[in-house]
């Protein structure tokens, strides 16, 4: 497959690039500074671009079989500048995919978005989701609804608290609204996102991840 990873220079996005290459895929790493990705591979293409520039996204999408959106802000300041940080870029991505005939979309979201909020404990619900991270979570909600309404073959990944460390590939993945372990490594989230691009098993589902 030819995969486009949006937000590929660091974090889960960079790990998704590595996981996809390890599984034999051709990968385009899309980021503002793709040279930050410390990885060399014959099947890797770096592409400089901006998730929030429509023309930039439109130019990157054609020719791929699936897209992974892992883009995220590095600070809350980004949401003061643009409260639609997630949803703006996702709208450009969905429109570009439709125009190019690309069907598979895998999106990294957060545990506690949508119907998974009922799984959040009192502290997370009232202090984090409703107060400290209110603006990002409101945009998470807008983004998730865009994906659900897109008509594409979508998958939403909702990991619990992200940690560093290797992929163990032994983690819970539940499309039902049931509790999963309270943390998961970014590497395992990346592993799931690549799997979701490869298989139809998770299409049309928001998947709780923990482990």
C-alpha atoms as a PDB file:
ATOM      1  CA  UNK A   1       0.000   0.000   0.000  1.00  0.00           C
ATOM      2  CA  UNK A   2       0.938   3.653  -0.356  1.00  0.00           C
ATOM      3  CA  UNK A   3       0.248   5.440   2.915  1.00  0.00           C
ATOM      4  CA  UNK A   4       0.251   9.161   3.648  1.00  0.00           C
ATOM      5  CA  UNK A   5       0.947  10.021   7.290  1.00  0.00           C
ATOM      6  CA  UNK A   6      -0.060  13.570   8.210  1.00  0.00           C
ATOM      7  CA  UNK A   7       1.864  14.863  11.200  1.00  0.00           C
ATOM      8  CA  UNK A   8       4.754  12.486  10.617  1.00  0.00           C
ATOM      9  CA  UNK A   9       7.791  14.276  12.029  1.00  0.00           C
ATOM     10  CA  UNK A  10       7.504  13.182  15.652  1.00  0.00           C
ATOM     11  CA  UNK A  11       5.458  11.315  18.242  1.00  0.00           C
ATOM     12  CA  UNK A  12       2.877   8.777  17.124  1.00  0.00           C
ATOM     13  CA  UNK A  13       3.126   9.967  13.523  1.00  0.00           C
ATOM     14  CA  UNK A  14       6.830   9.193  13.276  1.00  0.00           C
ATOM     15  CA  UNK A  15       6.242   5.796  14.866  1.00  0.00           C
ATOM     16  CA  UNK A  16       3.431   5.099  12.389  1.00  0.00           C
ATOM     17  CA  UNK A  17       5.820   5.834   9.524  1.00  0.00           C
ATOM     18  CA  UNK A  18       8.312   3.351  10.944  1.00  0.00           C
ATOM     19  CA  UNK A  19       5.626   0.704  11.576  1.00  0.00           C
ATOM     20  CA  UNK A  20       4.283   1.040   8.043  1.00  0.00           C
ATOM     21  CA  UNK A  21       7.735   0.735   6.500  1.00  0.00           C
ATOM     22  CA  UNK A  22       8.456  -2.321   8.646  1.00  0.00           C
ATOM     23  CA  UNK A  23       5.315  -3.886   7.185  1.00  0.00           C
ATOM     24  CA  UNK A  24       6.462  -3.278   3.628  1.00  0.00           C
ATOM     25  CA  UNK A  25       4.388  -0.241   2.714  1.00  0.00           C
ATOM     26  CA  UNK A  26       5.463   2.836   0.769  1.00  0.00           C
ATOM     27  CA  UNK A  27       5.085   5.877   3.002  1.00  0.00           C
ATOM     28  CA  UNK A  28       4.862   9.613   2.450  1.00  0.00           C
ATOM     29  CA  UNK A  29       5.732  11.516   5.628  1.00  0.00           C
ATOM     30  CA  UNK A  30       3.839  14.831   5.528  1.00  0.00           C
ATOM     31  CA  UNK A  31       4.817  17.516   8.040  1.00  0.00           C
ATOM     32  CA  UNK A  32       5.892  21.122   8.248  1.00  0.00           C
ATOM     33  CA  UNK A  33       9.431  19.937   8.981  1.00  0.00           C
ATOM     34  CA  UNK A  34       9.690  16.371   7.634  1.00  0.00           C
ATOM     35  CA  UNK A  35      13.468  16.416   8.036  1.00  0.00           C
ATOM     36  CA  UNK A  36      12.899  16.088  11.790  1.00  0.00           C
ATOM     37  CA  UNK A  37      11.949  12.478  11.093  1.00  0.00           C
ATOM     38  CA  UNK A  38      15.114  10.556  11.961  1.00  0.00           C
ATOM     39  CA  UNK A  39      14.614   7.694   9.558  1.00  0.00           C
ATOM     40  CA  UNK A  40      15.987   6.647   6.195  1.00  0.00           C
ATOM     41  CA  UNK A  41      14.335   4.037   3.997  1.00  0.00           C
ATOM     42  CA  UNK A  42      14.073   3.323   0.287  1.00  0.00           C
ATOM     43  CA  UNK A  43      10.278   3.381   0.485  1.00  0.00           C
ATOM     44  CA  UNK A  44      10.067   6.644   2.445  1.00  0.00           C
ATOM     45  CA  UNK A  45       9.232   9.990   0.831  1.00  0.00           C
ATOM     46  CA  UNK A  46       9.351  13.183   2.865  1.00  0.00           C
ATOM     47  CA  UNK A  47       6.919  15.927   1.908  1.00  0.00           C
ATOM     48  CA  UNK A  48       6.905  19.367   3.478  1.00  0.00           C
ATOM     49  CA  UNK A  49       3.406  20.706   3.917  1.00  0.00           C
ATOM     50  CA  UNK A  50       0.933  22.372   6.232  1.00  0.00           C
ATOM     51  CA  UNK A  51      -2.132  20.522   7.531  1.00  0.00           C
ATOM     52  CA  UNK A  52      -3.887  23.904   7.757  1.00  0.00           C
ATOM     53  CA  UNK A  53      -3.271  24.958   4.156  1.00  0.00           C
ATOM     54  CA  UNK A  54      -5.877  23.555   1.779  1.00  0.00           C
ATOM     55  CA  UNK A  55      -3.650  23.641  -1.296  1.00  0.00           C
ATOM     56  CA  UNK A  56      -0.863  21.886   0.577  1.00  0.00           C
ATOM     57  CA  UNK A  57      -3.132  19.023   1.594  1.00  0.00           C
ATOM     58  CA  UNK A  58      -4.746  18.783  -1.838  1.00  0.00           C
ATOM     59  CA  UNK A  59      -1.330  18.401  -3.469  1.00  0.00           C
ATOM     60  CA  UNK A  60      -0.234  15.625  -1.086  1.00  0.00           C
ATOM     61  CA  UNK A  61      -3.239  13.286  -1.109  1.00  0.00           C
ATOM     62  CA  UNK A  62      -3.443  11.926  -4.697  1.00  0.00           C
ATOM     63  CA  UNK A  63      -1.802   8.603  -5.406  1.00  0.00           C
ATOM     64  CA  UNK A  64      -2.193   7.109  -1.936  1.00  0.00           C
ATOM     65  CA  UNK A  65      -4.283   4.146  -0.812  1.00  0.00           C
ATOM     66  CA  UNK A  66      -4.891   5.329   2.751  1.00  0.00           C
ATOM     67  CA  UNK A  67      -4.294   8.337   4.994  1.00  0.00           C
ATOM     68  CA  UNK A  68      -3.352   8.460   8.651  1.00  0.00           C
ATOM     69  CA  UNK A  69      -3.974  11.730  10.511  1.00  0.00           C
ATOM     70  CA  UNK A  70      -1.747  11.985  13.570  1.00  0.00           C
ATOM     71  CA  UNK A  71      -1.261  15.771  13.568  1.00  0.00           C
ATOM     72  CA  UNK A  72      -1.429  17.389  16.971  1.00  0.00           C
ATOM     73  CA  UNK A  73      -0.479  20.654  18.602  1.00  0.00           C
ATOM     74  CA  UNK A  74       2.603  20.833  20.803  1.00  0.00           C
ATOM     75  CA  UNK A  75       1.049  23.396  23.172  1.00  0.00           C
ATOM     76  CA  UNK A  76      -2.285  24.917  24.130  1.00  0.00           C
ATOM     77  CA  UNK A  77      -1.155  28.166  22.515  1.00  0.00           C
ATOM     78  CA  UNK A  78      -1.979  26.642  19.133  1.00  0.00           C
ATOM     79  CA  UNK A  79      -5.653  26.397  20.125  1.00  0.00           C
ATOM     80  CA  UNK A  80      -5.743  30.036  21.200  1.00  0.00           C
ATOM     81  CA  UNK A  81      -4.545  30.921  17.713  1.00  0.00           C
ATOM     82  CA  UNK A  82      -6.829  28.410  16.002  1.00  0.00           C
ATOM     83  CA  UNK A  83      -9.625  26.751  18.035  1.00  0.00           C
ATOM     84  CA  UNK A  84     -10.320  24.570  14.971  1.00  0.00           C
ATOM     85  CA  UNK A  85      -6.791  23.145  14.880  1.00  0.00           C
ATOM     86  CA  UNK A  86      -7.938  19.542  14.320  1.00  0.00           C
ATOM     87  CA  UNK A  87     -11.177  20.059  12.412  1.00  0.00           C
ATOM     88  CA  UNK A  88      -9.843  22.580   9.898  1.00  0.00           C
ATOM     89  CA  UNK A  89      -7.091  20.295   8.629  1.00  0.00           C
ATOM     90  CA  UNK A  90      -9.352  17.270   8.738  1.00  0.00           C
ATOM     91  CA  UNK A  91     -11.928  19.018   6.559  1.00  0.00           C
ATOM     92  CA  UNK A  92      -9.232  19.783   3.983  1.00  0.00           C
ATOM     93  CA  UNK A  93      -8.079  16.166   4.136  1.00  0.00           C
ATOM     94  CA  UNK A  94     -11.553  14.700   3.691  1.00  0.00           C
ATOM     95  CA  UNK A  95     -12.297  17.008   0.756  1.00  0.00           C
ATOM     96  CA  UNK A  96      -8.987  16.131  -0.911  1.00  0.00           C
ATOM     97  CA  UNK A  97      -9.595  12.416  -0.411  1.00  0.00           C
ATOM     98  CA  UNK A  98     -13.016  12.626  -2.028  1.00  0.00           C
ATOM     99  CA  UNK A  99     -11.622  14.584  -4.959  1.00  0.00           C
ATOM    100  CA  UNK A 100      -8.848  12.014  -5.451  1.00  0.00           C
ATOM    101  CA  UNK A 101     -10.898   8.872  -4.860  1.00  0.00           C
ATOM    102  CA  UNK A 102      -8.934   7.816  -1.762  1.00  0.00           C
ATOM    103  CA  UNK A 103     -11.204   5.873   0.589  1.00  0.00           C
ATOM    104  CA  UNK A 104      -9.394   4.776   3.763  1.00  0.00           C
ATOM    105  CA  UNK A 105      -8.928   7.315   6.556  1.00  0.00           C
ATOM    106  CA  UNK A 106      -7.487   6.494   9.987  1.00  0.00           C
ATOM    107  CA  UNK A 107      -7.585   9.308  12.541  1.00  0.00           C
ATOM    108  CA  UNK A 108      -5.855   9.590  15.908  1.00  0.00           C
ATOM    109  CA  UNK A 109      -8.178  11.077  18.482  1.00  0.00           C
ATOM    110  CA  UNK A 110      -8.392  11.032  22.268  1.00  0.00           C
ATOM    111  CA  UNK A 111     -10.051   8.805  24.804  1.00  0.00           C
ATOM    112  CA  UNK A 112     -12.990  10.713  26.241  1.00  0.00           C
ATOM    113  CA  UNK A 113     -14.236  12.051  22.898  1.00  0.00           C
ATOM    114  CA  UNK A 114     -17.768  11.255  21.777  1.00  0.00           C
ATOM    115  CA  UNK A 115     -19.467   8.299  23.388  1.00  0.00           C
ATOM    116  CA  UNK A 116     -16.219   7.276  25.114  1.00  0.00           C
ATOM    117  CA  UNK A 117     -16.577  10.225  27.511  1.00  0.00           C
ATOM    118  CA  UNK A 118     -18.780   8.084  29.738  1.00  0.00           C
ATOM    119  CA  UNK A 119     -15.686   5.963  30.431  1.00  0.00           C
ATOM    120  CA  UNK A 120     -13.756   8.924  31.863  1.00  0.00           C
ATOM    121  CA  UNK A 121     -13.525   9.124  35.644  1.00  0.00           C
ATOM    122  CA  UNK A 122     -14.816  12.151  37.537  1.00  0.00           C
ATOM    123  CA  UNK A 123     -11.401  13.850  37.670  1.00  0.00           C
ATOM    124  CA  UNK A 124     -10.734  13.450  33.937  1.00  0.00           C
ATOM    125  CA  UNK A 125     -14.256  14.470  32.960  1.00  0.00           C
ATOM    126  CA  UNK A 126     -14.616  17.576  35.128  1.00  0.00           C
ATOM    127  CA  UNK A 127     -11.056  18.865  35.369  1.00  0.00           C
ATOM    128  CA  UNK A 128      -9.378  17.798  32.130  1.00  0.00           C
ATOM    129  CA  UNK A 129     -12.104  17.486  29.477  1.00  0.00           C
ATOM    130  CA  UNK A 130     -14.441  20.191  30.774  1.00  0.00           C
ATOM    131  CA  UNK A 131     -11.841  22.670  32.026  1.00  0.00           C
ATOM    132  CA  UNK A 132      -8.106  22.326  31.325  1.00  0.00           C
ATOM    133  CA  UNK A 133      -8.441  20.939  27.792  1.00  0.00           C
ATOM    134  CA  UNK A 134     -11.939  22.191  27.020  1.00  0.00           C
ATOM    135  CA  UNK A 135     -11.049  23.900  23.728  1.00  0.00           C
ATOM    136  CA  UNK A 136      -9.038  20.978  22.274  1.00  0.00           C
ATOM    137  CA  UNK A 137     -11.716  18.484  23.288  1.00  0.00           C
ATOM    138  CA  UNK A 138     -14.447  20.604  21.720  1.00  0.00           C
ATOM    139  CA  UNK A 139     -12.483  20.509  18.494  1.00  0.00           C
ATOM    140  CA  UNK A 140     -11.877  16.768  18.895  1.00  0.00           C
ATOM    141  CA  UNK A 141     -15.670  16.444  18.913  1.00  0.00           C
ATOM    142  CA  UNK A 142     -16.033  18.503  15.737  1.00  0.00           C
ATOM    143  CA  UNK A 143     -13.301  16.489  14.050  1.00  0.00           C
ATOM    144  CA  UNK A 144     -14.789  13.162  15.004  1.00  0.00           C
ATOM    145  CA  UNK A 145     -18.201  14.178  13.672  1.00  0.00           C
ATOM    146  CA  UNK A 146     -16.608  15.268  10.383  1.00  0.00           C
ATOM    147  CA  UNK A 147     -14.987  11.864  10.037  1.00  0.00           C
ATOM    148  CA  UNK A 148     -18.209  10.020  10.832  1.00  0.00           C
ATOM    149  CA  UNK A 149     -20.125  12.106   8.290  1.00  0.00           C
ATOM    150  CA  UNK A 150     -17.445  11.883   5.590  1.00  0.00           C
ATOM    151  CA  UNK A 151     -18.773   8.856   3.723  1.00  0.00           C
ATOM    152  CA  UNK A 152     -15.216   7.485   3.644  1.00  0.00           C
ATOM    153  CA  UNK A 153     -13.983   4.153   4.996  1.00  0.00           C
ATOM    154  CA  UNK A 154     -12.916   5.653   8.306  1.00  0.00           C
ATOM    155  CA  UNK A 155     -11.431   4.367  11.532  1.00  0.00           C
ATOM    156  CA  UNK A 156     -10.988   6.450  14.699  1.00  0.00           C
ATOM    157  CA  UNK A 157      -8.286   5.485  17.202  1.00  0.00           C
ATOM    158  CA  UNK A 158      -8.978   6.576  20.797  1.00  0.00           C
ATOM    159  CA  UNK A 159      -5.990   5.726  22.982  1.00  0.00           C
ATOM    160  CA  UNK A 160      -5.900   6.214  26.722  1.00  0.00           C
ATOM    161  CA  UNK A 161      -2.908   8.031  28.274  1.00  0.00           C
ATOM    162  CA  UNK A 162       0.031   7.904  25.875  1.00  0.00           C
ATOM    163  CA  UNK A 163       3.419   6.688  27.067  1.00  0.00           C
ATOM    164  CA  UNK A 164       6.820   6.156  25.502  1.00  0.00           C
ATOM    165  CA  UNK A 165       8.356   2.755  25.027  1.00  0.00           C
ATOM    166  CA  UNK A 166       8.447  -0.047  22.466  1.00  0.00           C
ATOM    167  CA  UNK A 167       5.474  -1.641  20.758  1.00  0.00           C
ATOM    168  CA  UNK A 168       4.508  -4.767  22.694  1.00  0.00           C
ATOM    169  CA  UNK A 169       1.657  -5.532  20.274  1.00  0.00           C
ATOM    170  CA  UNK A 170      -0.369  -6.882  23.175  1.00  0.00           C
ATOM    171  CA  UNK A 171      -3.013  -4.266  23.861  1.00  0.00           C
ATOM    172  CA  UNK A 172      -6.791  -3.969  24.123  1.00  0.00           C
ATOM    173  CA  UNK A 173      -8.701  -2.665  21.115  1.00  0.00           C
ATOM    174  CA  UNK A 174     -12.431  -2.335  21.683  1.00  0.00           C
ATOM    175  CA  UNK A 175     -15.041  -0.803  19.411  1.00  0.00           C
ATOM    176  CA  UNK A 176     -17.618  -1.241  22.181  1.00  0.00           C
ATOM    177  CA  UNK A 177     -17.803   1.395  24.909  1.00  0.00           C
ATOM    178  CA  UNK A 178     -16.022  -0.675  27.529  1.00  0.00           C
ATOM    179  CA  UNK A 179     -13.071   0.103  29.783  1.00  0.00           C
ATOM    180  CA  UNK A 180      -9.538  -0.596  28.532  1.00  0.00           C
ATOM    181  CA  UNK A 181      -6.225  -0.199  30.391  1.00  0.00           C
ATOM    182  CA  UNK A 182      -5.504   3.405  31.322  1.00  0.00           C
ATOM    183  CA  UNK A 183      -2.332   3.854  29.264  1.00  0.00           C
ATOM    184  CA  UNK A 184      -0.754   2.655  26.042  1.00  0.00           C
ATOM    185  CA  UNK A 185       2.543   3.303  24.279  1.00  0.00           C
ATOM    186  CA  UNK A 186       2.615   5.554  21.265  1.00  0.00           C
ATOM    187  CA  UNK A 187       4.327   2.717  19.409  1.00  0.00           C
ATOM    188  CA  UNK A 188       1.350   0.423  20.001  1.00  0.00           C
ATOM    189  CA  UNK A 189      -1.051   3.146  18.861  1.00  0.00           C
ATOM    190  CA  UNK A 190       1.019   3.484  15.697  1.00  0.00           C
ATOM    191  CA  UNK A 191       0.855  -0.281  15.233  1.00  0.00           C
ATOM    192  CA  UNK A 192      -2.939  -0.182  15.439  1.00  0.00           C
ATOM    193  CA  UNK A 193      -3.264   2.718  13.008  1.00  0.00           C
ATOM    194  CA  UNK A 194      -1.258   0.898  10.354  1.00  0.00           C
ATOM    195  CA  UNK A 195      -3.316  -2.249  10.956  1.00  0.00           C
ATOM    196  CA  UNK A 196      -6.492  -0.183  10.554  1.00  0.00           C
ATOM    197  CA  UNK A 197      -5.265   1.011   7.162  1.00  0.00           C
ATOM    198  CA  UNK A 198      -4.602  -2.558   6.043  1.00  0.00           C
ATOM    199  CA  UNK A 199      -7.737  -4.381   7.160  1.00  0.00           C
ATOM    200  CA  UNK A 200     -11.485  -3.824   6.899  1.00  0.00           C
ATOM    201  CA  UNK A 201     -12.029  -5.121  10.446  1.00  0.00           C
ATOM    202  CA  UNK A 202     -12.275  -1.666  12.022  1.00  0.00           C
ATOM    203  CA  UNK A 203     -13.951   0.337   9.245  1.00  0.00           C
ATOM    204  CA  UNK A 204     -16.726   2.572  10.544  1.00  0.00           C
ATOM    205  CA  UNK A 205     -15.655   2.149  14.162  1.00  0.00           C
ATOM    206  CA  UNK A 206     -14.146   4.274  16.911  1.00  0.00           C
ATOM    207  CA  UNK A 207     -11.758   2.006  18.768  1.00  0.00           C
ATOM    208  CA  UNK A 208     -10.740   2.356  22.417  1.00  0.00           C
ATOM    209  CA  UNK A 209      -7.054   1.437  22.857  1.00  0.00           C
ATOM    210  CA  UNK A 210      -5.217   0.608  26.066  1.00  0.00           C
ATOM    211  CA  UNK A 211      -2.494  -1.686  27.171  1.00  0.00           C
END
